[in-house]
Amino acid sequence: SGQVIELLKELKSLSGRSEWILPSIQGHMKHISNNTVLKALGRMGYAKKMTGHGFRSLAMSTLMENLGYRFEVPDRQLAHTRKSQVAAAYDRAEFIDERKKMMQDWADYIDEIAAKSAIPS
């Protein structure tokens, strides 16, 4: 999405000489770990309530229920493997155009929710 591209550009400008946009505090040659995300969620009060994978689940459900995408499109975006060997052998669809549209729709949906929940000044 356009929003994510802008965010990634900003993060890259802050990451210094690292090839990673979220470098580890252990050195610029490494990226943050899964535990970094869990620790951040814990500090925000979401310990044992949300995980990094929980956001993936939330996104998939919301994309299907609220934005009308069929299962295969968010499933491919989340890089899930095919459920059976037969499906893996024959189903090679990637749905790239739909995934691009879906990611923009998702970013717009998040912006809309954020705007609705903003505290009036």
PDB file of N, CA and C in Angstrom:
ATOM      1  N   SER A   1       0.832  -1.188   0.000  1.00  0.00           N
ATOM      2  CA  SER A   1       0.000   0.000   0.000  1.00  0.00           C
ATOM      3  C   SER A   1       0.873   1.247   0.000  1.00  0.00           C
ATOM      4  N   GLY A   2       0.283   2.329  -0.413  1.00  0.00           N
ATOM      5  CA  GLY A   2       1.018   3.590  -0.387  1.00  0.00           C
ATOM      6  C   GLY A   2       1.450   3.972   1.015  1.00  0.00           C
ATOM      7  N   GLN A   3       0.585   3.700   1.994  1.00  0.00           N
ATOM      8  CA  GLN A   3       0.909   4.030   3.381  1.00  0.00           C
ATOM      9  C   GLN A   3       2.128   3.251   3.864  1.00  0.00           C
ATOM     10  N   VAL A   4       2.199   1.991   3.514  1.00  0.00           N
ATOM     11  CA  VAL A   4       3.324   1.161   3.966  1.00  0.00           C
ATOM     12  C   VAL A   4       4.619   1.575   3.277  1.00  0.00           C
ATOM     13  N   ILE A   5       4.539   1.917   2.014  1.00  0.00           N
ATOM     14  CA  ILE A   5       5.746   2.362   1.311  1.00  0.00           C
ATOM     15  C   ILE A   5       6.317   3.610   1.990  1.00  0.00           C
ATOM     16  N   GLU A   6       5.457   4.554   2.355  1.00  0.00           N
ATOM     17  CA  GLU A   6       5.917   5.760   3.052  1.00  0.00           C
ATOM     18  C   GLU A   6       6.526   5.403   4.408  1.00  0.00           C
ATOM     19  N   LEU A   7       5.886   4.513   5.134  1.00  0.00           N
ATOM     20  CA  LEU A   7       6.397   4.082   6.437  1.00  0.00           C
ATOM     21  C   LEU A   7       7.750   3.384   6.291  1.00  0.00           C
ATOM     22  N   LEU A   8       7.886   2.517   5.301  1.00  0.00           N
ATOM     23  CA  LEU A   8       9.156   1.821   5.080  1.00  0.00           C
ATOM     24  C   LEU A   8      10.275   2.794   4.720  1.00  0.00           C
ATOM     25  N   LYS A   9       9.964   3.800   3.929  1.00  0.00           N
ATOM     26  CA  LYS A   9      10.967   4.816   3.587  1.00  0.00           C
ATOM     27  C   LYS A   9      11.429   5.543   4.847  1.00  0.00           C
ATOM     28  N   GLU A  10      10.479   5.893   5.707  1.00  0.00           N
ATOM     29  CA  GLU A  10      10.824   6.584   6.944  1.00  0.00           C
ATOM     30  C   GLU A  10      11.675   5.688   7.847  1.00  0.00           C
ATOM     31  N   LEU A  11      11.273   4.430   7.989  1.00  0.00           N
ATOM     32  CA  LEU A  11      12.043   3.497   8.821  1.00  0.00           C
ATOM     33  C   LEU A  11      13.456   3.303   8.271  1.00  0.00           C
ATOM     34  N   LYS A  12      13.571   3.204   6.947  1.00  0.00           N
ATOM     35  CA  LYS A  12      14.899   3.023   6.344  1.00  0.00           C
ATOM     36  C   LYS A  12      15.783   4.226   6.639  1.00  0.00           C
ATOM     37  N   SER A  13      15.217   5.419   6.626  1.00  0.00           N
ATOM     38  CA  SER A  13      16.015   6.617   6.918  1.00  0.00           C
ATOM     39  C   SER A  13      16.489   6.630   8.367  1.00  0.00           C
ATOM     40  N   LEU A  14      15.780   5.935   9.247  1.00  0.00           N
ATOM     41  CA  LEU A  14      16.142   5.883  10.661  1.00  0.00           C
ATOM     42  C   LEU A  14      17.062   4.718  11.011  1.00  0.00           C
ATOM     43  N   SER A  15      17.173   3.744  10.107  1.00  0.00           N
ATOM     44  CA  SER A  15      17.921   2.526  10.427  1.00  0.00           C
ATOM     45  C   SER A  15      19.420   2.641  10.168  1.00  0.00           C
ATOM     46  N   GLY A  16      19.857   3.802   9.736  1.00  0.00           N
ATOM     47  CA  GLY A  16      21.286   4.022   9.532  1.00  0.00           C
ATOM     48  C   GLY A  16      21.859   3.154   8.435  1.00  0.00           C
ATOM     49  N   ARG A  17      22.991   2.553   8.701  1.00  0.00           N
ATOM     50  CA  ARG A  17      23.682   1.782   7.663  1.00  0.00           C
ATOM     51  C   ARG A  17      23.237   0.327   7.591  1.00  0.00           C
ATOM     52  N   SER A  18      22.268  -0.056   8.406  1.00  0.00           N
ATOM     53  CA  SER A  18      21.790  -1.428   8.408  1.00  0.00           C
ATOM     54  C   SER A  18      21.027  -1.741   7.126  1.00  0.00           C
ATOM     55  N   GLU A  19      21.112  -2.975   6.679  1.00  0.00           N
ATOM     56  CA  GLU A  19      20.295  -3.404   5.546  1.00  0.00           C
ATOM     57  C   GLU A  19      18.868  -3.684   6.002  1.00  0.00           C
ATOM     58  N   TRP A  20      18.646  -3.737   7.306  1.00  0.00           N
ATOM     59  CA  TRP A  20      17.333  -4.031   7.876  1.00  0.00           C
ATOM     60  C   TRP A  20      16.641  -2.728   8.271  1.00  0.00           C
ATOM     61  N   ILE A  21      15.322  -2.661   8.051  1.00  0.00           N
ATOM     62  CA  ILE A  21      14.601  -1.467   8.488  1.00  0.00           C
ATOM     63  C   ILE A  21      14.318  -1.511   9.983  1.00  0.00           C
ATOM     64  N   LEU A  22      14.368  -2.695  10.569  1.00  0.00           N
ATOM     65  CA  LEU A  22      14.225  -2.860  12.018  1.00  0.00           C
ATOM     66  C   LEU A  22      15.441  -3.632  12.522  1.00  0.00           C
ATOM     67  N   PRO A  23      16.578  -2.938  12.623  1.00  0.00           N
ATOM     68  CA  PRO A  23      17.794  -3.631  13.044  1.00  0.00           C
ATOM     69  C   PRO A  23      17.761  -3.994  14.530  1.00  0.00           C
ATOM     70  N   SER A  24      18.505  -5.020  14.857  1.00  0.00           N
ATOM     71  CA  SER A  24      18.633  -5.466  16.242  1.00  0.00           C
ATOM     72  C   SER A  24      19.500  -4.496  17.026  1.00  0.00           C
ATOM     73  N   ILE A  25      19.247  -4.386  18.327  1.00  0.00           N
ATOM     74  CA  ILE A  25      20.129  -3.574  19.160  1.00  0.00           C
ATOM     75  C   ILE A  25      21.466  -4.278  19.362  1.00  0.00           C
ATOM     76  N   GLN A  26      21.527  -5.554  18.972  1.00  0.00           N
ATOM     77  CA  GLN A  26      22.772  -6.322  19.086  1.00  0.00           C
ATOM     78  C   GLN A  26      23.730  -6.048  17.935  1.00  0.00           C
ATOM     79  N   GLY A  27      23.298  -5.274  16.974  1.00  0.00           N
ATOM     80  CA  GLY A  27      24.164  -4.929  15.853  1.00  0.00           C
ATOM     81  C   GLY A  27      23.372  -4.723  14.585  1.00  0.00           C
ATOM     82  N   HIS A  28      23.863  -3.840  13.733  1.00  0.00           N
ATOM     83  CA  HIS A  28      23.124  -3.474  12.521  1.00  0.00           C
ATOM     84  C   HIS A  28      23.067  -4.585  11.477  1.00  0.00           C
ATOM     85  N   MET A  29      23.828  -5.649  11.658  1.00  0.00           N
ATOM     86  CA  MET A  29      23.824  -6.741  10.689  1.00  0.00           C
ATOM     87  C   MET A  29      22.700  -7.755  10.959  1.00  0.00           C
ATOM     88  N   LYS A  30      21.992  -7.570  12.061  1.00  0.00           N
ATOM     89  CA  LYS A  30      20.900  -8.473  12.418  1.00  0.00           C
ATOM     90  C   LYS A  30      19.595  -7.683  12.467  1.00  0.00           C
ATOM     91  N   HIS A  31      18.485  -8.403  12.311  1.00  0.00           N
ATOM     92  CA  HIS A  31      17.167  -7.775  12.443  1.00  0.00           C
ATOM     93  C   HIS A  31      16.578  -8.107  13.811  1.00  0.00           C
ATOM     94  N   ILE A  32      15.508  -7.409  14.159  1.00  0.00           N
ATOM     95  CA  ILE A  32      14.863  -7.699  15.433  1.00  0.00           C
ATOM     96  C   ILE A  32      14.335  -9.132  15.414  1.00  0.00           C
ATOM     97  N   SER A  33      14.132  -9.685  16.591  1.00  0.00           N
ATOM     98  CA  SER A  33      13.642 -11.061  16.689  1.00  0.00           C
ATOM     99  C   SER A  33      12.142 -11.077  16.963  1.00  0.00           C
ATOM    100  N   ASN A  34      11.544 -12.276  16.889  1.00  0.00           N
ATOM    101  CA  ASN A  34      10.134 -12.430  17.246  1.00  0.00           C
ATOM    102  C   ASN A  34       9.893 -11.995  18.690  1.00  0.00           C
ATOM    103  N   ASN A  35      10.871 -12.247  19.555  1.00  0.00           N
ATOM    104  CA  ASN A  35      10.718 -11.862  20.958  1.00  0.00           C
ATOM    105  C   ASN A  35      10.630 -10.351  21.121  1.00  0.00           C
ATOM    106  N   THR A  36      11.251  -9.588  20.232  1.00  0.00           N
ATOM    107  CA  THR A  36      11.168  -8.132  20.306  1.00  0.00           C
ATOM    108  C   THR A  36       9.716  -7.695  20.173  1.00  0.00           C
ATOM    109  N   VAL A  37       8.997  -8.300  19.244  1.00  0.00           N
ATOM    110  CA  VAL A  37       7.583  -7.974  19.037  1.00  0.00           C
ATOM    111  C   VAL A  37       6.780  -8.370  20.272  1.00  0.00           C
ATOM    112  N   LEU A  38       7.017  -9.570  20.802  1.00  0.00           N
ATOM    113  CA  LEU A  38       6.299 -10.021  21.995  1.00  0.00           C
ATOM    114  C   LEU A  38       6.567  -9.112  23.194  1.00  0.00           C
ATOM    115  N   LYS A  39       7.818  -8.715  23.366  1.00  0.00           N
ATOM    116  CA  LYS A  39       8.173  -7.820  24.479  1.00  0.00           C
ATOM    117  C   LYS A  39       7.482  -6.460  24.319  1.00  0.00           C
ATOM    118  N   ALA A  40       7.447  -5.942  23.096  1.00  0.00           N
ATOM    119  CA  ALA A  40       6.783  -4.657  22.853  1.00  0.00           C
ATOM    120  C   ALA A  40       5.285  -4.762  23.162  1.00  0.00           C
ATOM    121  N   LEU A  41       4.669  -5.838  22.721  1.00  0.00           N
ATOM    122  CA  LEU A  41       3.253  -6.041  23.020  1.00  0.00           C
ATOM    123  C   LEU A  41       3.030  -6.121  24.525  1.00  0.00           C
ATOM    124  N   GLY A  42       3.924  -6.798  25.226  1.00  0.00           N
ATOM    125  CA  GLY A  42       3.828  -6.898  26.679  1.00  0.00           C
ATOM    126  C   GLY A  42       3.912  -5.544  27.347  1.00  0.00           C
ATOM    127  N   ARG A  43       4.861  -4.699  26.896  1.00  0.00           N
ATOM    128  CA  ARG A  43       5.014  -3.364  27.474  1.00  0.00           C
ATOM    129  C   ARG A  43       3.790  -2.485  27.214  1.00  0.00           C
ATOM    130  N   MET A  44       3.052  -2.797  26.143  1.00  0.00           N
ATOM    131  CA  MET A  44       1.841  -2.034  25.840  1.00  0.00           C
ATOM    132  C   MET A  44       0.613  -2.587  26.558  1.00  0.00           C
ATOM    133  N   GLY A  45       0.816  -3.635  27.356  1.00  0.00           N
ATOM    134  CA  GLY A  45      -0.293  -4.200  28.117  1.00  0.00           C
ATOM    135  C   GLY A  45      -1.018  -5.347  27.440  1.00  0.00           C
ATOM    136  N   TYR A  46      -0.432  -5.901  26.378  1.00  0.00           N
ATOM    137  CA  TYR A  46      -1.085  -6.979  25.644  1.00  0.00           C
ATOM    138  C   TYR A  46      -0.449  -8.349  25.868  1.00  0.00           C
ATOM    139  N   ALA A  47       0.336  -8.484  26.932  1.00  0.00           N
ATOM    140  CA  ALA A  47       0.956  -9.780  27.227  1.00  0.00           C
ATOM    141  C   ALA A  47      -0.136 -10.835  27.380  1.00  0.00           C
ATOM    142  N   LYS A  48       0.057 -11.954  26.723  1.00  0.00           N
ATOM    143  CA  LYS A  48      -0.871 -13.097  26.754  1.00  0.00           C
ATOM    144  C   LYS A  48      -2.249 -12.763  26.183  1.00  0.00           C
ATOM    145  N   LYS A  49      -2.360 -11.610  25.536  1.00  0.00           N
ATOM    146  CA  LYS A  49      -3.610 -11.231  24.869  1.00  0.00           C
ATOM    147  C   LYS A  49      -3.437 -11.188  23.353  1.00  0.00           C
ATOM    148  N   MET A  50      -2.193 -10.884  22.914  1.00  0.00           N
ATOM    149  CA  MET A  50      -1.929 -10.753  21.485  1.00  0.00           C
ATOM    150  C   MET A  50      -0.496 -11.156  21.197  1.00  0.00           C
ATOM    151  N   THR A  51      -0.298 -11.734  20.014  1.00  0.00           N
ATOM    152  CA  THR A  51       1.037 -12.106  19.548  1.00  0.00           C
ATOM    153  C   THR A  51       1.209 -11.584  18.127  1.00  0.00           C
ATOM    154  N   GLY A  52       2.417 -11.688  17.618  1.00  0.00           N
ATOM    155  CA  GLY A  52       2.643 -11.322  16.220  1.00  0.00           C
ATOM    156  C   GLY A  52       1.763 -12.134  15.287  1.00  0.00           C
ATOM    157  N   HIS A  53       1.667 -13.434  15.533  1.00  0.00           N
ATOM    158  CA  HIS A  53       0.808 -14.285  14.707  1.00  0.00           C
ATOM    159  C   HIS A  53      -0.670 -13.958  14.923  1.00  0.00           C
ATOM    160  N   GLY A  54      -1.001 -13.436  16.091  1.00  0.00           N
ATOM    161  CA  GLY A  54      -2.374 -13.015  16.337  1.00  0.00           C
ATOM    162  C   GLY A  54      -2.807 -11.914  15.388  1.00  0.00           C
ATOM    163  N   PHE A  55      -1.871 -11.030  15.031  1.00  0.00           N
ATOM    164  CA  PHE A  55      -2.186  -9.986  14.064  1.00  0.00           C
ATOM    165  C   PHE A  55      -2.453 -10.580  12.690  1.00  0.00           C
ATOM    166  N   ARG A  56      -1.742 -11.638  12.354  1.00  0.00           N
ATOM    167  CA  ARG A  56      -1.972 -12.317  11.069  1.00  0.00           C
ATOM    168  C   ARG A  56      -3.384 -12.901  11.032  1.00  0.00           C
ATOM    169  N   SER A  57      -3.782 -13.523  12.137  1.00  0.00           N
ATOM    170  CA  SER A  57      -5.119 -14.110  12.234  1.00  0.00           C
ATOM    171  C   SER A  57      -6.196 -13.029  12.156  1.00  0.00           C
ATOM    172  N   LEU A  58      -5.980 -11.951  12.886  1.00  0.00           N
ATOM    173  CA  LEU A  58      -6.917 -10.832  12.867  1.00  0.00           C
ATOM    174  C   LEU A  58      -7.058 -10.271  11.456  1.00  0.00           C
ATOM    175  N   ALA A  59      -5.932 -10.093  10.777  1.00  0.00           N
ATOM    176  CA  ALA A  59      -5.963  -9.556   9.411  1.00  0.00           C
ATOM    177  C   ALA A  59      -6.720 -10.491   8.476  1.00  0.00           C
ATOM    178  N   MET A  60      -6.426 -11.780   8.546  1.00  0.00           N
ATOM    179  CA  MET A  60      -7.079 -12.719   7.633  1.00  0.00           C
ATOM    180  C   MET A  60      -8.590 -12.720   7.838  1.00  0.00           C
ATOM    181  N   SER A  61      -9.018 -12.780   9.089  1.00  0.00           N
ATOM    182  CA  SER A  61     -10.459 -12.785   9.381  1.00  0.00           C
ATOM    183  C   SER A  61     -11.113 -11.489   8.914  1.00  0.00           C
ATOM    184  N   THR A  62     -10.482 -10.369   9.181  1.00  0.00           N
ATOM    185  CA  THR A  62     -11.045  -9.076   8.809  1.00  0.00           C
ATOM    186  C   THR A  62     -11.096  -8.911   7.300  1.00  0.00           C
ATOM    187  N   LEU A  63     -10.046  -9.343   6.617  1.00  0.00           N
ATOM    188  CA  LEU A  63     -10.025  -9.231   5.158  1.00  0.00           C
ATOM    189  C   LEU A  63     -11.161 -10.027   4.519  1.00  0.00           C
ATOM    190  N   MET A  64     -11.473 -11.166   5.091  1.00  0.00           N
ATOM    191  CA  MET A  64     -12.557 -11.976   4.530  1.00  0.00           C
ATOM    192  C   MET A  64     -13.922 -11.446   4.966  1.00  0.00           C
ATOM    193  N   GLU A  65     -14.104 -11.202   6.252  1.00  0.00           N
ATOM    194  CA  GLU A  65     -15.422 -10.818   6.758  1.00  0.00           C
ATOM    195  C   GLU A  65     -15.798  -9.373   6.456  1.00  0.00           C
ATOM    196  N   ASN A  66     -14.893  -8.447   6.645  1.00  0.00           N
ATOM    197  CA  ASN A  66     -15.234  -7.028   6.506  1.00  0.00           C
ATOM    198  C   ASN A  66     -14.930  -6.462   5.132  1.00  0.00           C
ATOM    199  N   LEU A  67     -13.922  -7.002   4.468  1.00  0.00           N
ATOM    200  CA  LEU A  67     -13.540  -6.443   3.167  1.00  0.00           C
ATOM    201  C   LEU A  67     -13.905  -7.351   1.996  1.00  0.00           C
ATOM    202  N   GLY A  68     -14.471  -8.521   2.291  1.00  0.00           N
ATOM    203  CA  GLY A  68     -15.028  -9.380   1.251  1.00  0.00           C
ATOM    204  C   GLY A  68     -14.053 -10.190   0.422  1.00  0.00           C
ATOM    205  N   TYR A  69     -12.824 -10.373   0.879  1.00  0.00           N
ATOM    206  CA  TYR A  69     -11.864 -11.163   0.112  1.00  0.00           C
ATOM    207  C   TYR A  69     -12.072 -12.651   0.364  1.00  0.00           C
ATOM    208  N   ARG A  70     -11.946 -13.435  -0.690  1.00  0.00           N
ATOM    209  CA  ARG A  70     -12.060 -14.887  -0.534  1.00  0.00           C
ATOM    210  C   ARG A  70     -10.778 -15.420   0.105  1.00  0.00           C
ATOM    211  N   PHE A  71     -10.863 -16.546   0.739  1.00  0.00           N
ATOM    212  CA  PHE A  71      -9.793 -17.144   1.537  1.00  0.00           C
ATOM    213  C   PHE A  71      -8.437 -17.161   0.835  1.00  0.00           C
ATOM    214  N   GLU A  72      -8.392 -17.533  -0.420  1.00  0.00           N
ATOM    215  CA  GLU A  72      -7.118 -17.753  -1.114  1.00  0.00           C
ATOM    216  C   GLU A  72      -6.243 -16.505  -1.201  1.00  0.00           C
ATOM    217  N   VAL A  73      -6.862 -15.346  -1.287  1.00  0.00           N
ATOM    218  CA  VAL A  73      -6.079 -14.121  -1.492  1.00  0.00           C
ATOM    219  C   VAL A  73      -5.273 -13.754  -0.236  1.00  0.00           C
ATOM    220  N   PRO A  74      -5.906 -13.590   0.926  1.00  0.00           N
ATOM    221  CA  PRO A  74      -5.081 -13.327   2.118  1.00  0.00           C
ATOM    222  C   PRO A  74      -4.195 -14.513   2.481  1.00  0.00           C
ATOM    223  N   ASP A  75      -4.641 -15.710   2.190  1.00  0.00           N
ATOM    224  CA  ASP A  75      -3.835 -16.897   2.484  1.00  0.00           C
ATOM    225  C   ASP A  75      -2.500 -16.850   1.740  1.00  0.00           C
ATOM    226  N   ARG A  76      -2.525 -16.481   0.473  1.00  0.00           N
ATOM    227  CA  ARG A  76      -1.283 -16.370  -0.300  1.00  0.00           C
ATOM    228  C   ARG A  76      -0.432 -15.218   0.221  1.00  0.00           C
ATOM    229  N   GLN A  77      -1.078 -14.108   0.605  1.00  0.00           N
ATOM    230  CA  GLN A  77      -0.333 -12.963   1.116  1.00  0.00           C
ATOM    231  C   GLN A  77       0.410 -13.325   2.399  1.00  0.00           C
ATOM    232  N   LEU A  78      -0.192 -14.192   3.195  1.00  0.00           N
ATOM    233  CA  LEU A  78       0.440 -14.630   4.435  1.00  0.00           C
ATOM    234  C   LEU A  78       1.455 -15.740   4.205  1.00  0.00           C
ATOM    235  N   ALA A  79       1.676 -16.093   2.945  1.00  0.00           N
ATOM    236  CA  ALA A  79       2.688 -17.082   2.541  1.00  0.00           C
ATOM    237  C   ALA A  79       2.449 -18.454   3.157  1.00  0.00           C
ATOM    238  N   HIS A  80       1.177 -18.816   3.279  1.00  0.00           N
ATOM    239  CA  HIS A  80       0.870 -20.153   3.779  1.00  0.00           C
ATOM    240  C   HIS A  80       1.136 -21.194   2.701  1.00  0.00           C
ATOM    241  N   THR A  81       1.568 -22.367   3.120  1.00  0.00           N
ATOM    242  CA  THR A  81       1.765 -23.459   2.176  1.00  0.00           C
ATOM    243  C   THR A  81       0.425 -24.117   1.897  1.00  0.00           C
ATOM    244  N   ARG A  82       0.323 -24.803   0.785  1.00  0.00           N
ATOM    245  CA  ARG A  82      -0.908 -25.492   0.414  1.00  0.00           C
ATOM    246  C   ARG A  82      -1.156 -26.626   1.394  1.00  0.00           C
ATOM    247  N   LYS A  83      -2.417 -26.892   1.653  1.00  0.00           N
ATOM    248  CA  LYS A  83      -2.793 -27.852   2.686  1.00  0.00           C
ATOM    249  C   LYS A  83      -2.505 -29.303   2.324  1.00  0.00           C
ATOM    250  N   SER A  84      -2.481 -29.615   1.064  1.00  0.00           N
ATOM    251  CA  SER A  84      -2.215 -31.000   0.672  1.00  0.00           C
ATOM    252  C   SER A  84      -1.150 -31.040  -0.416  1.00  0.00           C
ATOM    253  N   GLN A  85      -0.561 -32.200  -0.606  1.00  0.00           N
ATOM    254  CA  GLN A  85       0.454 -32.345  -1.655  1.00  0.00           C
ATOM    255  C   GLN A  85      -0.155 -32.146  -3.031  1.00  0.00           C
ATOM    256  N   VAL A  86      -1.392 -32.556  -3.210  1.00  0.00           N
ATOM    257  CA  VAL A  86      -2.063 -32.378  -4.495  1.00  0.00           C
ATOM    258  C   VAL A  86      -2.255 -30.885  -4.772  1.00  0.00           C
ATOM    259  N   ALA A  87      -2.734 -30.157  -3.775  1.00  0.00           N
ATOM    260  CA  ALA A  87      -2.915 -28.709  -3.950  1.00  0.00           C
ATOM    261  C   ALA A  87      -1.576 -28.044  -4.231  1.00  0.00           C
ATOM    262  N   ALA A  88      -0.547 -28.450  -3.521  1.00  0.00           N
ATOM    263  CA  ALA A  88       0.781 -27.862  -3.729  1.00  0.00           C
ATOM    264  C   ALA A  88       1.290 -28.147  -5.138  1.00  0.00           C
ATOM    265  N   ALA A  89       0.972 -29.314  -5.658  1.00  0.00           N
ATOM    266  CA  ALA A  89       1.441 -29.700  -6.990  1.00  0.00           C
ATOM    267  C   ALA A  89       0.713 -28.951  -8.102  1.00  0.00           C
ATOM    268  N   TYR A  90      -0.581 -28.697  -7.917  1.00  0.00           N
ATOM    269  CA  TYR A  90      -1.381 -28.138  -8.996  1.00  0.00           C
ATOM    270  C   TYR A  90      -1.772 -26.677  -8.828  1.00  0.00           C
ATOM    271  N   ASP A  91      -1.930 -26.228  -7.616  1.00  0.00           N
ATOM    272  CA  ASP A  91      -2.394 -24.865  -7.378  1.00  0.00           C
ATOM    273  C   ASP A  91      -1.201 -23.939  -7.193  1.00  0.00           C
ATOM    274  N   ARG A  92      -0.847 -23.238  -8.241  1.00  0.00           N
ATOM    275  CA  ARG A  92       0.294 -22.326  -8.185  1.00  0.00           C
ATOM    276  C   ARG A  92      -0.128 -20.870  -8.339  1.00  0.00           C
ATOM    277  N   ALA A  93      -1.421 -20.622  -8.213  1.00  0.00           N
ATOM    278  CA  ALA A  93      -1.934 -19.254  -8.345  1.00  0.00           C
ATOM    279  C   ALA A  93      -1.377 -18.383  -7.231  1.00  0.00           C
ATOM    280  N   GLU A  94      -1.025 -17.171  -7.574  1.00  0.00           N
ATOM    281  CA  GLU A  94      -0.475 -16.231  -6.590  1.00  0.00           C
ATOM    282  C   GLU A  94      -1.377 -15.022  -6.365  1.00  0.00           C
ATOM    283  N   PHE A  95      -2.312 -14.739  -7.287  1.00  0.00           N
ATOM    284  CA  PHE A  95      -3.274 -13.653  -7.130  1.00  0.00           C
ATOM    285  C   PHE A  95      -2.603 -12.290  -6.883  1.00  0.00           C
ATOM    286  N   ILE A  96      -1.531 -12.020  -7.593  1.00  0.00           N
ATOM    287  CA  ILE A  96      -0.743 -10.807  -7.346  1.00  0.00           C
ATOM    288  C   ILE A  96      -1.569  -9.525  -7.464  1.00  0.00           C
ATOM    289  N   ASP A  97      -2.341  -9.367  -8.536  1.00  0.00           N
ATOM    290  CA  ASP A  97      -3.118  -8.135  -8.702  1.00  0.00           C
ATOM    291  C   ASP A  97      -4.139  -7.970  -7.579  1.00  0.00           C
ATOM    292  N   GLU A  98      -4.819  -9.062  -7.220  1.00  0.00           N
ATOM    293  CA  GLU A  98      -5.789  -9.000  -6.124  1.00  0.00           C
ATOM    294  C   GLU A  98      -5.104  -8.703  -4.796  1.00  0.00           C
ATOM    295  N   ARG A  99      -3.916  -9.265  -4.601  1.00  0.00           N
ATOM    296  CA  ARG A  99      -3.189  -9.028  -3.356  1.00  0.00           C
ATOM    297  C   ARG A  99      -2.754  -7.573  -3.241  1.00  0.00           C
ATOM    298  N   LYS A 100      -2.335  -6.976  -4.351  1.00  0.00           N
ATOM    299  CA  LYS A 100      -1.961  -5.555  -4.323  1.00  0.00           C
ATOM    300  C   LYS A 100      -3.155  -4.701  -3.932  1.00  0.00           C
ATOM    301  N   LYS A 101      -4.294  -4.974  -4.549  1.00  0.00           N
ATOM    302  CA  LYS A 101      -5.513  -4.233  -4.232  1.00  0.00           C
ATOM    303  C   LYS A 101      -5.908  -4.477  -2.777  1.00  0.00           C
ATOM    304  N   MET A 102      -5.813  -5.713  -2.337  1.00  0.00           N
ATOM    305  CA  MET A 102      -6.179  -6.064  -0.967  1.00  0.00           C
ATOM    306  C   MET A 102      -5.320  -5.312   0.045  1.00  0.00           C
ATOM    307  N   MET A 103      -4.031  -5.217  -0.204  1.00  0.00           N
ATOM    308  CA  MET A 103      -3.148  -4.539   0.742  1.00  0.00           C
ATOM    309  C   MET A 103      -3.459  -3.045   0.817  1.00  0.00           C
ATOM    310  N   GLN A 104      -3.830  -2.436  -0.316  1.00  0.00           N
ATOM    311  CA  GLN A 104      -4.239  -1.032  -0.275  1.00  0.00           C
ATOM    312  C   GLN A 104      -5.570  -0.898   0.454  1.00  0.00           C
ATOM    313  N   ASP A 105      -6.507  -1.817   0.183  1.00  0.00           N
ATOM    314  CA  ASP A 105      -7.793  -1.800   0.885  1.00  0.00           C
ATOM    315  C   ASP A 105      -7.587  -1.966   2.389  1.00  0.00           C
ATOM    316  N   TRP A 106      -6.666  -2.834   2.785  1.00  0.00           N
ATOM    317  CA  TRP A 106      -6.379  -3.073   4.202  1.00  0.00           C
ATOM    318  C   TRP A 106      -5.830  -1.794   4.854  1.00  0.00           C
ATOM    319  N   ALA A 107      -4.880  -1.164   4.208  1.00  0.00           N
ATOM    320  CA  ALA A 107      -4.291   0.064   4.757  1.00  0.00           C
ATOM    321  C   ALA A 107      -5.348   1.164   4.876  1.00  0.00           C
ATOM    322  N   ASP A 108      -6.201   1.288   3.869  1.00  0.00           N
ATOM    323  CA  ASP A 108      -7.270   2.284   3.921  1.00  0.00           C
ATOM    324  C   ASP A 108      -8.253   1.966   5.046  1.00  0.00           C
ATOM    325  N   TYR A 109      -8.556   0.683   5.241  1.00  0.00           N
ATOM    326  CA  TYR A 109      -9.449   0.233   6.310  1.00  0.00           C
ATOM    327  C   TYR A 109      -8.870   0.598   7.680  1.00  0.00           C
ATOM    328  N   ILE A 110      -7.582   0.353   7.865  1.00  0.00           N
ATOM    329  CA  ILE A 110      -6.917   0.695   9.133  1.00  0.00           C
ATOM    330  C   ILE A 110      -6.947   2.204   9.346  1.00  0.00           C
ATOM    331  N   ASP A 111      -6.672   2.981   8.300  1.00  0.00           N
ATOM    332  CA  ASP A 111      -6.729   4.443   8.405  1.00  0.00           C
ATOM    333  C   ASP A 111      -8.135   4.905   8.797  1.00  0.00           C
ATOM    334  N   GLU A 112      -9.150   4.274   8.209  1.00  0.00           N
ATOM    335  CA  GLU A 112     -10.541   4.625   8.502  1.00  0.00           C
ATOM    336  C   GLU A 112     -10.876   4.342   9.971  1.00  0.00           C
ATOM    337  N   ILE A 113     -10.460   3.189  10.465  1.00  0.00           N
ATOM    338  CA  ILE A 113     -10.697   2.845  11.869  1.00  0.00           C
ATOM    339  C   ILE A 113      -9.963   3.823  12.784  1.00  0.00           C
ATOM    340  N   ALA A 114      -8.727   4.138  12.448  1.00  0.00           N
ATOM    341  CA  ALA A 114      -7.954   5.079  13.257  1.00  0.00           C
ATOM    342  C   ALA A 114      -8.615   6.449  13.301  1.00  0.00           C
ATOM    343  N   ALA A 115      -9.122   6.898  12.171  1.00  0.00           N
ATOM    344  CA  ALA A 115      -9.768   8.208  12.124  1.00  0.00           C
ATOM    345  C   ALA A 115     -11.055   8.224  12.961  1.00  0.00           C
ATOM    346  N   LYS A 116     -11.811   7.118  12.931  1.00  0.00           N
ATOM    347  CA  LYS A 116     -13.050   7.027  13.704  1.00  0.00           C
ATOM    348  C   LYS A 116     -12.780   6.960  15.199  1.00  0.00           C
ATOM    349  N   SER A 117     -11.638   6.368  15.571  1.00  0.00           N
ATOM    350  CA  SER A 117     -11.362   6.205  16.994  1.00  0.00           C
ATOM    351  C   SER A 117     -10.530   7.340  17.575  1.00  0.00           C
ATOM    352  N   ALA A 118     -10.173   8.307  16.748  1.00  0.00           N
ATOM    353  CA  ALA A 118      -9.360   9.426  17.223  1.00  0.00           C
ATOM    354  C   ALA A 118     -10.150  10.243  18.242  1.00  0.00           C
ATOM    355  N   ILE A 119      -9.465  10.634  19.268  1.00  0.00           N
ATOM    356  CA  ILE A 119     -10.097  11.454  20.304  1.00  0.00           C
ATOM    357  C   ILE A 119     -10.207  12.879  19.775  1.00  0.00           C
ATOM    358  N   PRO A 120     -11.418  13.433  19.778  1.00  0.00           N
ATOM    359  CA  PRO A 120     -11.582  14.809  19.277  1.00  0.00           C
ATOM    360  C   PRO A 120     -10.787  15.792  20.141  1.00  0.00           C
ATOM    361  N   SER A 121     -10.206  16.760  19.461  1.00  0.00           N
ATOM    362  CA  SER A 121      -9.413  17.756  20.219  1.00  0.00           C
ATOM    363  C   SER A 121     -10.223  18.962  20.576  1.00  0.00           C
TER     364      SER A 121
END
